[in-house]
Amino acid sequence: GILFDDEERNRNDWNKFAGMAFEPCHIKEVLSLLNH
């Protein structure tokens, strides 16, 4: 799935093994894209 997390290690691991991960500053933008 998609993960929003402030910890870089969590995002890096997620990107390798589970999908796409983003910093919290991208929440609004990514959710807007999912809603269209």
Full PDB file with SEQRES, HELIX, SHEET, SSBOND, CRYST1, ORIGX, SCALE, CONECT and MASTER records, all heavy atoms in Angstrom:
SEQRES   1 A   36  GLY ILE LEU PHE ASP ASP GLU GLU ARG ASN ARG ASN ASP          
SEQRES   2 A   36  TRP ASN LYS PHE ALA GLY MET ALA PHE GLU PRO CYS HIS          
SEQRES   3 A   36  ILE LYS GLU VAL LEU SER LEU LEU ASN HIS                      
HELIX    1 AA1 GLU A    8  PHE A   17  1                                  10    
HELIX    2 AA2 PRO A   24  HIS A   26  5                                   3    
HELIX    3 AA3 ILE A   27  LEU A   34  1                                   8    
SHEET    1 AA1 2 ILE A   2  PHE A   4  0                                        
SHEET    2 AA1 2 MET A  20  PHE A  22  1                                        
CRYST1    1.000    1.000    1.000  90.00  90.00  90.00 P 1           1          
ORIGX1      1.000000  0.000000  0.000000        0.00000                         
ORIGX2      0.000000  1.000000  0.000000        0.00000                         
ORIGX3      0.000000  0.000000  1.000000        0.00000                         
SCALE1      1.000000  0.000000  0.000000        0.00000                         
SCALE2      0.000000  1.000000  0.000000        0.00000                         
SCALE3      0.000000  0.000000  1.000000        0.00000                         
ATOM      1  N   GLY A   1       0.813  -1.207   0.000  1.00  0.00           N  
ATOM      2  CA  GLY A   1       0.000   0.000   0.000  1.00  0.00           C  
ATOM      3  C   GLY A   1       0.841   1.249   0.000  1.00  0.00           C  
ATOM      4  O   GLY A   1       1.993   1.264  -0.432  1.00  0.00           O  
ATOM      5  N   ILE A   2       0.247   2.295   0.529  1.00  0.00           N  
ATOM      6  CA  ILE A   2       0.884   3.612   0.631  1.00  0.00           C  
ATOM      7  C   ILE A   2       1.085   3.900   2.112  1.00  0.00           C  
ATOM      8  O   ILE A   2       0.193   3.649   2.926  1.00  0.00           O  
ATOM      9  CB  ILE A   2      -0.009   4.693  -0.015  1.00  0.00           C  
ATOM     10  CG1 ILE A   2      -0.135   4.436  -1.528  1.00  0.00           C  
ATOM     11  CG2 ILE A   2       0.530   6.092   0.264  1.00  0.00           C  
ATOM     12  CD1 ILE A   2      -1.173   5.292  -2.212  1.00  0.00           C  
ATOM     13  N   LEU A   3       2.244   4.420   2.457  1.00  0.00           N  
ATOM     14  CA  LEU A   3       2.556   4.768   3.843  1.00  0.00           C  
ATOM     15  C   LEU A   3       2.937   6.230   3.935  1.00  0.00           C  
ATOM     16  O   LEU A   3       3.711   6.732   3.117  1.00  0.00           O  
ATOM     17  CB  LEU A   3       3.728   3.916   4.351  1.00  0.00           C  
ATOM     18  CG  LEU A   3       4.292   4.289   5.730  1.00  0.00           C  
ATOM     19  CD1 LEU A   3       3.298   3.941   6.839  1.00  0.00           C  
ATOM     20  CD2 LEU A   3       5.630   3.594   5.975  1.00  0.00           C  
ATOM     21  N   PHE A   4       2.414   6.899   4.965  1.00  0.00           N  
ATOM     22  CA  PHE A   4       2.870   8.234   5.344  1.00  0.00           C  
ATOM     23  C   PHE A   4       3.567   8.078   6.682  1.00  0.00           C  
ATOM     24  O   PHE A   4       2.970   7.605   7.653  1.00  0.00           O  
ATOM     25  CB  PHE A   4       1.696   9.214   5.469  1.00  0.00           C  
ATOM     26  CG  PHE A   4       1.025   9.491   4.157  1.00  0.00           C  
ATOM     27  CD1 PHE A   4      -0.173   8.872   3.841  1.00  0.00           C  
ATOM     28  CD2 PHE A   4       1.595  10.363   3.239  1.00  0.00           C  
ATOM     29  CE1 PHE A   4      -0.797   9.121   2.627  1.00  0.00           C  
ATOM     30  CE2 PHE A   4       0.980  10.609   2.015  1.00  0.00           C  
ATOM     31  CZ  PHE A   4      -0.216   9.985   1.721  1.00  0.00           C  
ATOM     32  N   ASP A   5       4.843   8.474   6.737  1.00  0.00           N  
ATOM     33  CA  ASP A   5       5.627   8.284   7.953  1.00  0.00           C  
ATOM     34  C   ASP A   5       6.738   9.326   7.998  1.00  0.00           C  
ATOM     35  O   ASP A   5       7.352   9.626   6.974  1.00  0.00           O  
ATOM     36  CB  ASP A   5       6.228   6.869   7.962  1.00  0.00           C  
ATOM     37  CG  ASP A   5       6.668   6.411   9.328  1.00  0.00           C  
ATOM     38  OD1 ASP A   5       7.479   7.122   9.963  1.00  0.00           O  
ATOM     39  OD2 ASP A   5       6.221   5.336   9.753  1.00  0.00           O  
ATOM     40  N   ASP A   6       7.006   9.853   9.183  1.00  0.00           N  
ATOM     41  CA  ASP A   6       8.053  10.860   9.323  1.00  0.00           C  
ATOM     42  C   ASP A   6       9.446  10.250   9.396  1.00  0.00           C  
ATOM     43  O   ASP A   6      10.425  10.957   9.219  1.00  0.00           O  
ATOM     44  CB  ASP A   6       7.798  11.734  10.557  1.00  0.00           C  
ATOM     45  CG  ASP A   6       7.837  10.950  11.852  1.00  0.00           C  
ATOM     46  OD1 ASP A   6       7.125   9.923  11.943  1.00  0.00           O  
ATOM     47  OD2 ASP A   6       8.565  11.353  12.785  1.00  0.00           O  
ATOM     48  N   GLU A   7       9.552   8.954   9.638  1.00  0.00           N  
ATOM     49  CA  GLU A   7      10.868   8.316   9.761  1.00  0.00           C  
ATOM     50  C   GLU A   7      11.378   7.827   8.414  1.00  0.00           C  
ATOM     51  O   GLU A   7      10.740   6.990   7.761  1.00  0.00           O  
ATOM     52  CB  GLU A   7      10.813   7.144  10.743  1.00  0.00           C  
ATOM     53  CG  GLU A   7      10.669   7.613  12.161  1.00  0.00           C  
ATOM     54  CD  GLU A   7      11.422   6.763  13.144  1.00  0.00           C  
ATOM     55  OE1 GLU A   7      12.314   5.978  12.749  1.00  0.00           O  
ATOM     56  OE2 GLU A   7      11.111   6.894  14.326  1.00  0.00           O  
ATOM     57  N   GLU A   8      12.543   8.316   8.031  1.00  0.00           N  
ATOM     58  CA  GLU A   8      13.122   7.971   6.732  1.00  0.00           C  
ATOM     59  C   GLU A   8      13.353   6.465   6.589  1.00  0.00           C  
ATOM     60  O   GLU A   8      13.094   5.891   5.536  1.00  0.00           O  
ATOM     61  CB  GLU A   8      14.428   8.733   6.525  1.00  0.00           C  
ATOM     62  CG  GLU A   8      15.048   8.504   5.171  1.00  0.00           C  
ATOM     63  CD  GLU A   8      16.311   9.314   4.951  1.00  0.00           C  
ATOM     64  OE1 GLU A   8      16.804   9.955   5.900  1.00  0.00           O  
ATOM     65  OE2 GLU A   8      16.808   9.306   3.801  1.00  0.00           O  
ATOM     66  N   ARG A   9      13.833   5.817   7.641  1.00  0.00           N  
ATOM     67  CA  ARG A   9      14.085   4.375   7.570  1.00  0.00           C  
ATOM     68  C   ARG A   9      12.800   3.604   7.252  1.00  0.00           C  
ATOM     69  O   ARG A   9      12.796   2.693   6.426  1.00  0.00           O  
ATOM     70  CB  ARG A   9      14.674   3.865   8.882  1.00  0.00           C  
ATOM     71  CG  ARG A   9      15.035   2.380   8.822  1.00  0.00           C  
ATOM     72  CD  ARG A   9      15.455   1.847  10.159  1.00  0.00           C  
ATOM     73  NE  ARG A   9      14.250   1.768  10.993  1.00  0.00           N  
ATOM     74  CZ  ARG A   9      14.257   1.627  12.307  1.00  0.00           C  
ATOM     75  NH1 ARG A   9      15.380   1.574  12.953  1.00  0.00           N  
ATOM     76  NH2 ARG A   9      13.132   1.538  12.976  1.00  0.00           N  
ATOM     77  N   ASN A  10      11.699   3.995   7.876  1.00  0.00           N  
ATOM     78  CA  ASN A  10      10.424   3.332   7.593  1.00  0.00           C  
ATOM     79  C   ASN A  10      10.008   3.542   6.144  1.00  0.00           C  
ATOM     80  O   ASN A  10       9.535   2.615   5.489  1.00  0.00           O  
ATOM     81  CB  ASN A  10       9.323   3.835   8.526  1.00  0.00           C  
ATOM     82  CG  ASN A  10       9.503   3.355   9.944  1.00  0.00           C  
ATOM     83  OD1 ASN A  10      10.071   2.289  10.182  1.00  0.00           O  
ATOM     84  ND2 ASN A  10       9.029   4.133  10.893  1.00  0.00           N  
ATOM     85  N   ARG A  11      10.188   4.750   5.648  1.00  0.00           N  
ATOM     86  CA  ARG A  11       9.832   5.030   4.252  1.00  0.00           C  
ATOM     87  C   ARG A  11      10.722   4.240   3.298  1.00  0.00           C  
ATOM     88  O   ARG A  11      10.227   3.666   2.321  1.00  0.00           O  
ATOM     89  CB  ARG A  11       9.921   6.531   3.954  1.00  0.00           C  
ATOM     90  CG  ARG A  11       8.874   7.363   4.658  1.00  0.00           C  
ATOM     91  CD  ARG A  11       8.818   8.797   4.136  1.00  0.00           C  
ATOM     92  NE  ARG A  11      10.113   9.449   4.047  1.00  0.00           N  
ATOM     93  CZ  ARG A  11      10.686  10.140   5.028  1.00  0.00           C  
ATOM     94  NH1 ARG A  11      10.076  10.275   6.194  1.00  0.00           N  
ATOM     95  NH2 ARG A  11      11.852  10.726   4.845  1.00  0.00           N  
ATOM     96  N   ASN A  12      12.021   4.203   3.568  1.00  0.00           N  
ATOM     97  CA  ASN A  12      12.938   3.465   2.687  1.00  0.00           C  
ATOM     98  C   ASN A  12      12.605   1.980   2.653  1.00  0.00           C  
ATOM     99  O   ASN A  12      12.559   1.374   1.578  1.00  0.00           O  
ATOM    100  CB  ASN A  12      14.386   3.675   3.130  1.00  0.00           C  
ATOM    101  CG  ASN A  12      14.880   5.077   2.835  1.00  0.00           C  
ATOM    102  OD1 ASN A  12      14.311   5.797   2.028  1.00  0.00           O  
ATOM    103  ND2 ASN A  12      15.939   5.475   3.518  1.00  0.00           N  
ATOM    104  N   ASP A  13      12.376   1.385   3.820  1.00  0.00           N  
ATOM    105  CA  ASP A  13      12.012  -0.039   3.872  1.00  0.00           C  
ATOM    106  C   ASP A  13      10.695  -0.278   3.146  1.00  0.00           C  
ATOM    107  O   ASP A  13      10.553  -1.252   2.407  1.00  0.00           O  
ATOM    108  CB  ASP A  13      11.882  -0.519   5.323  1.00  0.00           C  
ATOM    109  CG  ASP A  13      13.224  -0.686   6.012  1.00  0.00           C  
ATOM    110  OD1 ASP A  13      14.265  -0.641   5.327  1.00  0.00           O  
ATOM    111  OD2 ASP A  13      13.219  -0.857   7.253  1.00  0.00           O  
ATOM    112  N   TRP A  14       9.728   0.588   3.364  1.00  0.00           N  
ATOM    113  CA  TRP A  14       8.422   0.439   2.721  1.00  0.00           C  
ATOM    114  C   TRP A  14       8.567   0.503   1.202  1.00  0.00           C  
ATOM    115  O   TRP A  14       7.977  -0.299   0.478  1.00  0.00           O  
ATOM    116  CB  TRP A  14       7.474   1.529   3.216  1.00  0.00           C  
ATOM    117  CG  TRP A  14       6.047   1.288   2.862  1.00  0.00           C  
ATOM    118  CD1 TRP A  14       5.424   1.620   1.679  1.00  0.00           C  
ATOM    119  CD2 TRP A  14       5.048   0.666   3.663  1.00  0.00           C  
ATOM    120  NE1 TRP A  14       4.103   1.249   1.716  1.00  0.00           N  
ATOM    121  CE2 TRP A  14       3.847   0.661   2.921  1.00  0.00           C  
ATOM    122  CE3 TRP A  14       5.049   0.122   4.942  1.00  0.00           C  
ATOM    123  CZ2 TRP A  14       2.668   0.138   3.420  1.00  0.00           C  
ATOM    124  CZ3 TRP A  14       3.873  -0.394   5.443  1.00  0.00           C  
ATOM    125  CH2 TRP A  14       2.703  -0.394   4.672  1.00  0.00           C  
ATOM    126  N   ASN A  15       9.338   1.467   0.722  1.00  0.00           N  
ATOM    127  CA  ASN A  15       9.542   1.600  -0.723  1.00  0.00           C  
ATOM    128  C   ASN A  15      10.193   0.352  -1.321  1.00  0.00           C  
ATOM    129  O   ASN A  15       9.893  -0.010  -2.455  1.00  0.00           O  
ATOM    130  CB  ASN A  15      10.375   2.848  -1.041  1.00  0.00           C  
ATOM    131  CG  ASN A  15       9.577   4.123  -0.937  1.00  0.00           C  
ATOM    132  OD1 ASN A  15       8.385   4.166  -1.228  1.00  0.00           O  
ATOM    133  ND2 ASN A  15      10.226   5.196  -0.503  1.00  0.00           N  
ATOM    134  N   LYS A  16      11.052  -0.311  -0.585  1.00  0.00           N  
ATOM    135  CA  LYS A  16      11.713  -1.524  -1.069  1.00  0.00           C  
ATOM    136  C   LYS A  16      10.773  -2.726  -1.077  1.00  0.00           C  
ATOM    137  O   LYS A  16      10.836  -3.554  -1.973  1.00  0.00           O  
ATOM    138  CB  LYS A  16      12.903  -1.878  -0.170  1.00  0.00           C  
ATOM    139  CG  LYS A  16      14.133  -1.079  -0.412  1.00  0.00           C  
ATOM    140  CD  LYS A  16      15.249  -1.622   0.476  1.00  0.00           C  
ATOM    141  CE  LYS A  16      16.233  -0.528   0.803  1.00  0.00           C  
ATOM    142  NZ  LYS A  16      17.169  -0.917   1.836  1.00  0.00           N  
ATOM    143  N   PHE A  17       9.925  -2.836  -0.062  1.00  0.00           N  
ATOM    144  CA  PHE A  17       9.195  -4.081   0.167  1.00  0.00           C  
ATOM    145  C   PHE A  17       7.674  -4.005   0.063  1.00  0.00           C  
ATOM    146  O   PHE A  17       7.025  -5.042  -0.036  1.00  0.00           O  
ATOM    147  CB  PHE A  17       9.534  -4.637   1.560  1.00  0.00           C  
ATOM    148  CG  PHE A  17      10.990  -4.889   1.771  1.00  0.00           C  
ATOM    149  CD1 PHE A  17      11.717  -4.119   2.656  1.00  0.00           C  
ATOM    150  CD2 PHE A  17      11.647  -5.897   1.073  1.00  0.00           C  
ATOM    151  CE1 PHE A  17      13.073  -4.348   2.862  1.00  0.00           C  
ATOM    152  CE2 PHE A  17      13.005  -6.132   1.270  1.00  0.00           C  
ATOM    153  CZ  PHE A  17      13.720  -5.354   2.155  1.00  0.00           C  
ATOM    154  N   ALA A  18       7.082  -2.807   0.121  1.00  0.00           N  
ATOM    155  CA  ALA A  18       5.632  -2.785   0.328  1.00  0.00           C  
ATOM    156  C   ALA A  18       4.846  -1.798  -0.526  1.00  0.00           C  
ATOM    157  O   ALA A  18       3.630  -1.768  -0.433  1.00  0.00           O  
ATOM    158  CB  ALA A  18       5.329  -2.513   1.803  1.00  0.00           C  
ATOM    159  N   GLY A  19       5.488  -0.972  -1.299  1.00  0.00           N  
ATOM    160  CA  GLY A  19       4.712  -0.011  -2.085  1.00  0.00           C  
ATOM    161  C   GLY A  19       5.379   1.341  -2.145  1.00  0.00           C  
ATOM    162  O   GLY A  19       6.573   1.441  -2.372  1.00  0.00           O  
ATOM    163  N   MET A  20       4.597   2.373  -1.894  1.00  0.00           N  
ATOM    164  CA  MET A  20       5.108   3.743  -1.954  1.00  0.00           C  
ATOM    165  C   MET A  20       4.965   4.386  -0.585  1.00  0.00           C  
ATOM    166  O   MET A  20       3.925   4.251   0.064  1.00  0.00           O  
ATOM    167  CB  MET A  20       4.320   4.565  -2.972  1.00  0.00           C  
ATOM    168  CG  MET A  20       4.481   4.086  -4.407  1.00  0.00           C  
ATOM    169  SD  MET A  20       3.582   5.141  -5.585  1.00  0.00           S  
ATOM    170  CE  MET A  20       1.894   4.786  -5.129  1.00  0.00           C  
ATOM    171  N   ALA A  21       5.998   5.112  -0.168  1.00  0.00           N  
ATOM    172  CA  ALA A  21       5.979   5.802   1.115  1.00  0.00           C  
ATOM    173  C   ALA A  21       6.303   7.272   0.908  1.00  0.00           C  
ATOM    174  O   ALA A  21       7.110   7.625   0.043  1.00  0.00           O  
ATOM    175  CB  ALA A  21       6.977   5.170   2.065  1.00  0.00           C  
ATOM    176  N   PHE A  22       5.654   8.109   1.712  1.00  0.00           N  
ATOM    177  CA  PHE A  22       5.788   9.552   1.572  1.00  0.00           C  
ATOM    178  C   PHE A  22       5.998  10.208   2.931  1.00  0.00           C  
ATOM    179  O   PHE A  22       5.524   9.709   3.953  1.00  0.00           O  
ATOM    180  CB  PHE A  22       4.522  10.151   0.949  1.00  0.00           C  
ATOM    181  CG  PHE A  22       4.221   9.627  -0.418  1.00  0.00           C  
ATOM    182  CD1 PHE A  22       3.383   8.535  -0.586  1.00  0.00           C  
ATOM    183  CD2 PHE A  22       4.772  10.221  -1.540  1.00  0.00           C  
ATOM    184  CE1 PHE A  22       3.097   8.029  -1.843  1.00  0.00           C  
ATOM    185  CE2 PHE A  22       4.497   9.726  -2.810  1.00  0.00           C  
ATOM    186  CZ  PHE A  22       3.653   8.637  -2.959  1.00  0.00           C  
ATOM    187  N   GLU A  23       6.661  11.351   2.900  1.00  0.00           N  
ATOM    188  CA  GLU A  23       6.776  12.189   4.085  1.00  0.00           C  
ATOM    189  C   GLU A  23       5.414  12.792   4.392  1.00  0.00           C  
ATOM    190  O   GLU A  23       4.577  12.961   3.491  1.00  0.00           O  
ATOM    191  CB  GLU A  23       7.784  13.308   3.844  1.00  0.00           C  
ATOM    192  CG  GLU A  23       9.200  12.819   3.663  1.00  0.00           C  
ATOM    193  CD  GLU A  23      10.169  13.954   3.402  1.00  0.00           C  
ATOM    194  OE1 GLU A  23      10.141  14.936   4.184  1.00  0.00           O  
ATOM    195  OE2 GLU A  23      10.927  13.859   2.430  1.00  0.00           O  
ATOM    196  N   PRO A  24       5.169  13.175   5.657  1.00  0.00           N  
ATOM    197  CA  PRO A  24       3.869  13.750   6.025  1.00  0.00           C  
ATOM    198  C   PRO A  24       3.484  14.999   5.232  1.00  0.00           C  
ATOM    199  O   PRO A  24       2.294  15.236   5.018  1.00  0.00           O  
ATOM    200  CB  PRO A  24       4.039  14.079   7.512  1.00  0.00           C  
ATOM    201  CG  PRO A  24       5.094  13.142   7.983  1.00  0.00           C  
ATOM    202  CD  PRO A  24       6.025  12.963   6.815  1.00  0.00           C  
ATOM    203  N   CYS A  25       4.459  15.759   4.762  1.00  0.00           N  
ATOM    204  CA  CYS A  25       4.146  16.986   4.025  1.00  0.00           C  
ATOM    205  C   CYS A  25       3.418  16.706   2.710  1.00  0.00           C  
ATOM    206  O   CYS A  25       2.858  17.622   2.099  1.00  0.00           O  
ATOM    207  CB  CYS A  25       5.402  17.810   3.784  1.00  0.00           C  
ATOM    208  SG  CYS A  25       6.663  16.993   2.775  1.00  0.00           S  
ATOM    209  N   HIS A  26       3.383  15.455   2.280  1.00  0.00           N  
ATOM    210  CA  HIS A  26       2.733  15.101   1.023  1.00  0.00           C  
ATOM    211  C   HIS A  26       1.341  14.478   1.203  1.00  0.00           C  
ATOM    212  O   HIS A  26       0.734  14.047   0.222  1.00  0.00           O  
ATOM    213  CB  HIS A  26       3.617  14.137   0.223  1.00  0.00           C  
ATOM    214  CG  HIS A  26       4.926  14.731  -0.171  1.00  0.00           C  
ATOM    215  ND1 HIS A  26       5.041  15.755  -1.086  1.00  0.00           N  
ATOM    216  CD2 HIS A  26       6.180  14.460   0.251  1.00  0.00           C  
ATOM    217  CE1 HIS A  26       6.313  16.074  -1.219  1.00  0.00           C  
ATOM    218  NE2 HIS A  26       7.029  15.315  -0.412  1.00  0.00           N  
ATOM    219  N   ILE A  27       0.839  14.437   2.428  1.00  0.00           N  
ATOM    220  CA  ILE A  27      -0.444  13.780   2.685  1.00  0.00           C  
ATOM    221  C   ILE A  27      -1.563  14.385   1.845  1.00  0.00           C  
ATOM    222  O   ILE A  27      -2.263  13.662   1.123  1.00  0.00           O  
ATOM    223  CB  ILE A  27      -0.803  13.819   4.188  1.00  0.00           C  
ATOM    224  CG1 ILE A  27       0.135  12.909   4.978  1.00  0.00           C  
ATOM    225  CG2 ILE A  27      -2.272  13.421   4.413  1.00  0.00           C  
ATOM    226  CD1 ILE A  27      -0.012  13.003   6.487  1.00  0.00           C  
ATOM    227  N   LYS A  28      -1.733  15.676   1.934  1.00  0.00           N  
ATOM    228  CA  LYS A  28      -2.849  16.331   1.237  1.00  0.00           C  
ATOM    229  C   LYS A  28      -2.768  16.096  -0.274  1.00  0.00           C  
ATOM    230  O   LYS A  28      -3.762  15.739  -0.918  1.00  0.00           O  
ATOM    231  CB  LYS A  28      -2.838  17.832   1.547  1.00  0.00           C  
ATOM    232  CG  LYS A  28      -3.982  18.595   0.946  1.00  0.00           C  
ATOM    233  CD  LYS A  28      -3.926  20.062   1.342  1.00  0.00           C  
ATOM    234  CE  LYS A  28      -5.045  20.826   0.688  1.00  0.00           C  
ATOM    235  NZ  LYS A  28      -5.002  22.253   1.014  1.00  0.00           N  
ATOM    236  N   GLU A  29      -1.580  16.243  -0.826  1.00  0.00           N  
ATOM    237  CA  GLU A  29      -1.357  16.086  -2.271  1.00  0.00           C  
ATOM    238  C   GLU A  29      -1.663  14.662  -2.740  1.00  0.00           C  
ATOM    239  O   GLU A  29      -2.365  14.446  -3.728  1.00  0.00           O  
ATOM    240  CB  GLU A  29       0.086  16.459  -2.574  1.00  0.00           C  
ATOM    241  CG  GLU A  29       0.572  16.163  -3.960  1.00  0.00           C  
ATOM    242  CD  GLU A  29       2.077  16.361  -4.088  1.00  0.00           C  
ATOM    243  OE1 GLU A  29       2.731  16.815  -3.127  1.00  0.00           O  
ATOM    244  OE2 GLU A  29       2.588  16.035  -5.164  1.00  0.00           O  
ATOM    245  N   VAL A  30      -1.137  13.665  -2.034  1.00  0.00           N  
ATOM    246  CA  VAL A  30      -1.333  12.268  -2.430  1.00  0.00           C  
ATOM    247  C   VAL A  30      -2.786  11.863  -2.275  1.00  0.00           C  
ATOM    248  O   VAL A  30      -3.355  11.207  -3.167  1.00  0.00           O  
ATOM    249  CB  VAL A  30      -0.395  11.325  -1.642  1.00  0.00           C  
ATOM    250  CG1 VAL A  30      -0.710   9.864  -1.937  1.00  0.00           C  
ATOM    251  CG2 VAL A  30       1.064  11.620  -1.986  1.00  0.00           C  
ATOM    252  N   LEU A  31      -3.424  12.266  -1.185  1.00  0.00           N  
ATOM    253  CA  LEU A  31      -4.833  11.934  -1.002  1.00  0.00           C  
ATOM    254  C   LEU A  31      -5.702  12.589  -2.067  1.00  0.00           C  
ATOM    255  O   LEU A  31      -6.674  11.981  -2.542  1.00  0.00           O  
ATOM    256  CB  LEU A  31      -5.320  12.328   0.393  1.00  0.00           C  
ATOM    257  CG  LEU A  31      -4.698  11.551   1.556  1.00  0.00           C  
ATOM    258  CD1 LEU A  31      -5.287  12.022   2.876  1.00  0.00           C  
ATOM    259  CD2 LEU A  31      -4.848  10.057   1.395  1.00  0.00           C  
ATOM    260  N   SER A  32      -5.354  13.778  -2.494  1.00  0.00           N  
ATOM    261  CA  SER A  32      -6.089  14.445  -3.589  1.00  0.00           C  
ATOM    262  C   SER A  32      -5.965  13.636  -4.874  1.00  0.00           C  
ATOM    263  O   SER A  32      -6.954  13.480  -5.602  1.00  0.00           O  
ATOM    264  CB  SER A  32      -5.568  15.861  -3.812  1.00  0.00           C  
ATOM    265  OG  SER A  32      -5.910  16.685  -2.734  1.00  0.00           O  
ATOM    266  N   LEU A  33      -4.760  13.127  -5.161  1.00  0.00           N  
ATOM    267  CA  LEU A  33      -4.582  12.310  -6.354  1.00  0.00           C  
ATOM    268  C   LEU A  33      -5.393  11.017  -6.268  1.00  0.00           C  
ATOM    269  O   LEU A  33      -5.967  10.571  -7.276  1.00  0.00           O  
ATOM    270  CB  LEU A  33      -3.098  11.976  -6.550  1.00  0.00           C  
ATOM    271  CG  LEU A  33      -2.196  13.136  -6.949  1.00  0.00           C  
ATOM    272  CD1 LEU A  33      -0.733  12.710  -6.901  1.00  0.00           C  
ATOM    273  CD2 LEU A  33      -2.568  13.665  -8.307  1.00  0.00           C  
ATOM    274  N   LEU A  34      -5.475  10.417  -5.096  1.00  0.00           N  
ATOM    275  CA  LEU A  34      -6.250   9.191  -4.921  1.00  0.00           C  
ATOM    276  C   LEU A  34      -7.742   9.442  -5.058  1.00  0.00           C  
ATOM    277  O   LEU A  34      -8.499   8.537  -5.400  1.00  0.00           O  
ATOM    278  CB  LEU A  34      -5.962   8.570  -3.542  1.00  0.00           C  
ATOM    279  CG  LEU A  34      -4.592   7.979  -3.355  1.00  0.00           C  
ATOM    280  CD1 LEU A  34      -4.387   7.572  -1.894  1.00  0.00           C  
ATOM    281  CD2 LEU A  34      -4.365   6.795  -4.274  1.00  0.00           C  
ATOM    282  N   ASN A  35      -8.154  10.669  -4.823  1.00  0.00           N  
ATOM    283  CA  ASN A  35      -9.591  11.003  -4.859  1.00  0.00           C  
ATOM    284  C   ASN A  35     -10.055  11.368  -6.265  1.00  0.00           C  
ATOM    285  O   ASN A  35     -11.230  11.603  -6.484  1.00  0.00           O  
ATOM    286  CB  ASN A  35      -9.890  12.135  -3.874  1.00  0.00           C  
ATOM    287  CG  ASN A  35     -11.368  12.235  -3.581  1.00  0.00           C  
ATOM    288  OD1 ASN A  35     -12.091  11.253  -3.645  1.00  0.00           O  
ATOM    289  ND2 ASN A  35     -11.804  13.424  -3.239  1.00  0.00           N  
ATOM    290  N   HIS A  36      -9.153  11.423  -7.227  1.00  0.00           N  
ATOM    291  CA  HIS A  36      -9.559  11.770  -8.601  1.00  0.00           C  
ATOM    292  C   HIS A  36      -9.480  10.597  -9.531  1.00  0.00           C  
ATOM    293  O   HIS A  36      -9.006   9.593  -9.343  1.00  0.00           O  
ATOM    294  CB  HIS A  36      -8.716  12.930  -9.130  1.00  0.00           C  
ATOM    295  CG  HIS A  36      -9.073  14.216  -8.477  1.00  0.00           C  
ATOM    296  ND1 HIS A  36      -8.418  14.693  -7.386  1.00  0.00           N  
ATOM    297  CD2 HIS A  36     -10.077  15.103  -8.704  1.00  0.00           C  
ATOM    298  CE1 HIS A  36      -8.974  15.828  -6.988  1.00  0.00           C  
ATOM    299  NE2 HIS A  36      -9.971  16.101  -7.782  1.00  0.00           N  
TER     300      HIS A  36                                                      
MASTER        0    0    0    3    2    0    0    6  299    1    0    3          
END                                                                             
